[in-house]
Protein backbone atom coordinates (compact mmCIF):
# COMPACT_ATOMS: atom_id res chain seq x y z
CA MET A 1 -49.11 0.94 144.39
CA THR A 2 -52.16 -1.38 143.19
CA ASP A 3 -55.02 -0.29 141.16
CA GLU A 4 -56.91 -0.68 143.81
CA GLU A 5 -55.04 1.68 146.44
CA LEU A 6 -54.66 4.18 143.55
CA LEU A 7 -58.53 3.89 143.36
CA GLN A 8 -59.18 4.48 147.03
CA ALA A 9 -56.64 7.49 147.19
CA SER A 10 -58.12 9.33 144.22
CA ALA A 11 -61.75 8.67 146.05
CA ASP A 12 -60.02 9.94 149.54
CA LEU A 13 -58.44 12.99 147.79
CA ARG A 14 -61.61 14.13 145.74
CA VAL A 15 -63.82 13.89 149.13
CA ALA A 16 -61.16 15.79 151.08
CA LEU A 17 -60.63 18.41 148.46
CA GLY A 18 -64.44 18.77 148.15
CA ARG A 19 -64.91 19.41 151.66
CA LEU A 20 -61.86 21.65 151.39
CA ILE A 21 -63.48 23.66 148.80
CA ARG A 22 -67.00 23.45 150.02
CA ARG A 23 -65.53 25.39 153.76
CA LEU A 24 -63.60 27.98 151.20
CA ARG A 25 -66.65 28.56 149.54
CA GLN A 26 -68.80 29.32 152.66
CA GLY A 27 -66.29 31.63 153.85
CA TYR A 28 -66.51 33.68 150.85
CA VAL A 29 -66.84 37.53 152.12
CA VAL A 30 -68.46 39.69 149.58
CA GLY A 31 -65.87 41.81 147.71
CA GLU A 32 -63.08 39.23 147.99
CA LEU A 33 -62.34 37.61 144.61
CA THR A 34 -63.89 34.35 143.78
CA LEU A 35 -62.39 30.91 143.63
CA PRO A 36 -62.47 31.16 139.63
CA GLU A 37 -60.59 34.90 140.11
CA ARG A 38 -58.26 33.99 142.14
CA SER A 39 -57.02 31.15 139.91
CA VAL A 40 -56.86 33.01 136.89
CA LEU A 41 -55.23 35.94 138.84
CA SER A 42 -52.68 33.35 140.10
CA ARG A 43 -51.97 31.90 136.80
CA LEU A 44 -51.54 34.91 134.75
CA GLU A 45 -49.15 36.35 137.68
CA ARG A 46 -47.15 33.02 137.62
CA GLU A 47 -47.21 31.97 133.78
CA GLY A 48 -47.59 35.58 131.92
CA PRO A 49 -49.83 36.93 129.57
CA ALA A 50 -52.44 34.68 128.05
CA THR A 51 -55.58 34.91 125.54
CA PRO A 52 -58.69 34.20 127.09
CA GLY A 53 -59.10 31.09 125.16
CA CYS A 54 -55.83 29.66 126.44
CA LEU A 55 -57.15 30.70 129.76
CA ALA A 56 -60.48 29.02 129.27
CA ASP A 57 -58.93 25.87 128.02
CA LEU A 58 -56.32 25.81 130.91
CA GLU A 59 -59.23 26.29 133.41
CA ARG A 60 -61.40 23.75 131.97
CA VAL A 61 -64.39 26.32 131.76
CA LYS A 62 -65.91 27.20 128.91
CA PRO A 63 -64.74 30.70 127.17
CA GLN A 64 -68.11 32.64 127.93
CA ALA A 65 -67.35 31.76 131.68
CA MET A 66 -63.72 33.05 131.00
CA GLY A 67 -65.58 35.99 129.23
CA VAL A 68 -67.49 36.73 133.11
CA THR A 69 -64.47 36.20 135.23
CA LEU A 70 -61.82 38.60 133.39
CA ALA A 71 -64.29 40.77 132.73
CA GLY A 72 -64.60 40.95 136.92
CA LEU A 73 -61.11 41.46 137.01
CA VAL A 74 -60.45 44.00 134.42
CA GLU A 75 -63.58 46.13 135.83
CA ARG A 76 -61.43 46.04 139.29
CA GLY A 77 -58.15 47.05 137.57
CA LEU A 78 -56.39 43.81 138.57
CA VAL A 79 -55.98 42.54 134.97
CA GLU A 80 -55.76 44.56 131.58
CA ARG A 81 -56.32 43.35 127.63
CA ARG A 82 -53.89 44.35 125.07
CA LYS A 83 -53.10 43.62 121.51
CA ASP A 84 -50.61 40.26 120.79
CA GLU A 85 -47.91 42.34 119.45
CA THR A 86 -47.04 39.14 117.30
CA ASP A 87 -50.78 38.76 116.21
CA GLY A 88 -52.67 42.14 116.20
CA ARG A 89 -55.77 39.95 115.79
CA LYS A 90 -55.68 38.06 119.24
CA VAL A 91 -55.74 39.61 122.91
CA LEU A 92 -53.83 39.19 125.50
CA MET A 93 -54.78 39.26 128.77
CA SER A 94 -52.20 40.37 131.64
CA VAL A 95 -51.54 41.13 135.39
CA THR A 96 -51.91 44.65 136.33
CA GLU A 97 -49.71 46.43 139.30
CA ALA A 98 -52.76 46.25 141.28
CA GLY A 99 -53.03 42.52 140.44
CA VAL A 100 -49.96 41.37 141.46
CA LYS A 101 -49.90 43.19 144.77
CA LEU A 102 -52.98 41.68 145.34
CA VAL A 103 -51.75 37.96 144.55
CA THR A 104 -48.61 38.60 146.54
CA ASP A 105 -50.61 40.17 149.45
CA ARG A 106 -52.62 37.26 150.10
CA ARG A 107 -54.65 39.37 152.79
CA SER A 108 -58.07 37.77 152.13
CA GLU A 109 -59.88 36.90 155.22
CA THR A 110 -60.10 33.48 154.16
CA GLY A 111 -56.44 33.18 153.49
CA ARG A 112 -56.12 34.56 157.38
CA ARG A 113 -58.40 31.78 158.61
CA MET A 114 -56.36 28.96 156.67
CA ALA A 115 -53.03 30.57 157.67
CA ALA A 116 -54.24 30.56 161.43
CA ALA A 117 -55.31 26.96 161.24
CA LEU A 118 -52.11 25.84 159.64
CA ALA A 119 -50.02 27.66 162.14
CA GLU A 120 -52.51 26.48 165.81
CA LYS A 121 -53.22 22.95 164.52
CA PHE A 122 -50.46 21.53 162.21
CA THR A 123 -47.15 20.83 163.11
CA GLU A 124 -44.38 22.15 161.08
CA ALA A 125 -43.52 18.68 159.50
CA GLU A 126 -47.22 18.77 158.36
CA ARG A 127 -47.41 22.27 157.27
CA ARG A 128 -44.15 21.49 155.17
CA GLU A 129 -45.75 17.90 153.77
CA LEU A 130 -49.10 19.98 152.53
CA ILE A 131 -46.86 22.69 151.07
CA THR A 132 -44.63 20.27 149.52
CA ALA A 133 -47.95 18.76 147.94
CA ILE A 134 -49.26 22.17 146.92
CA PRO A 135 -47.48 21.40 143.05
CA LEU A 136 -48.50 18.12 142.95
CA ILE A 137 -52.13 18.92 142.89
CA GLU A 138 -51.75 21.73 140.80
CA ARG A 139 -50.30 19.03 138.65
CA LEU A 140 -53.24 16.79 139.03
CA ALA A 141 -55.58 19.44 138.39
CA ASP A 142 -53.96 20.06 135.23
CA GLU A 143 -54.11 16.76 134.31
CA LEU A 144 -57.37 15.96 134.87
């Protein structure tokens, strides 16, 4: 692929993802997890306990913003704080049983709407392509 093709693909991907994110935000229902909360909860469930500072770095947000996100998750009983056994000065955040259940259930209204759109408007082959692309999009996000 040429540099020009990569630049065009990058621009197209940015526009498409921007539209998707805007639509997801428009469908937000009070009481549902916010996008940052869902991202942190999913990361902790997939990758295991982490410090708030590490999570802020991984999510590319300021520590103060991560503190607000984590406080909301702790308040809802989805994440818990505990001391790091190897370094008592550090605090580790980990997913609670309720948090794991929420991540694995994926019963939000937005999730149902997205699943319905995929089922009704996309072919099986297109759905497989999208699912295959998810780890690549996550990796791209981590590299930016």
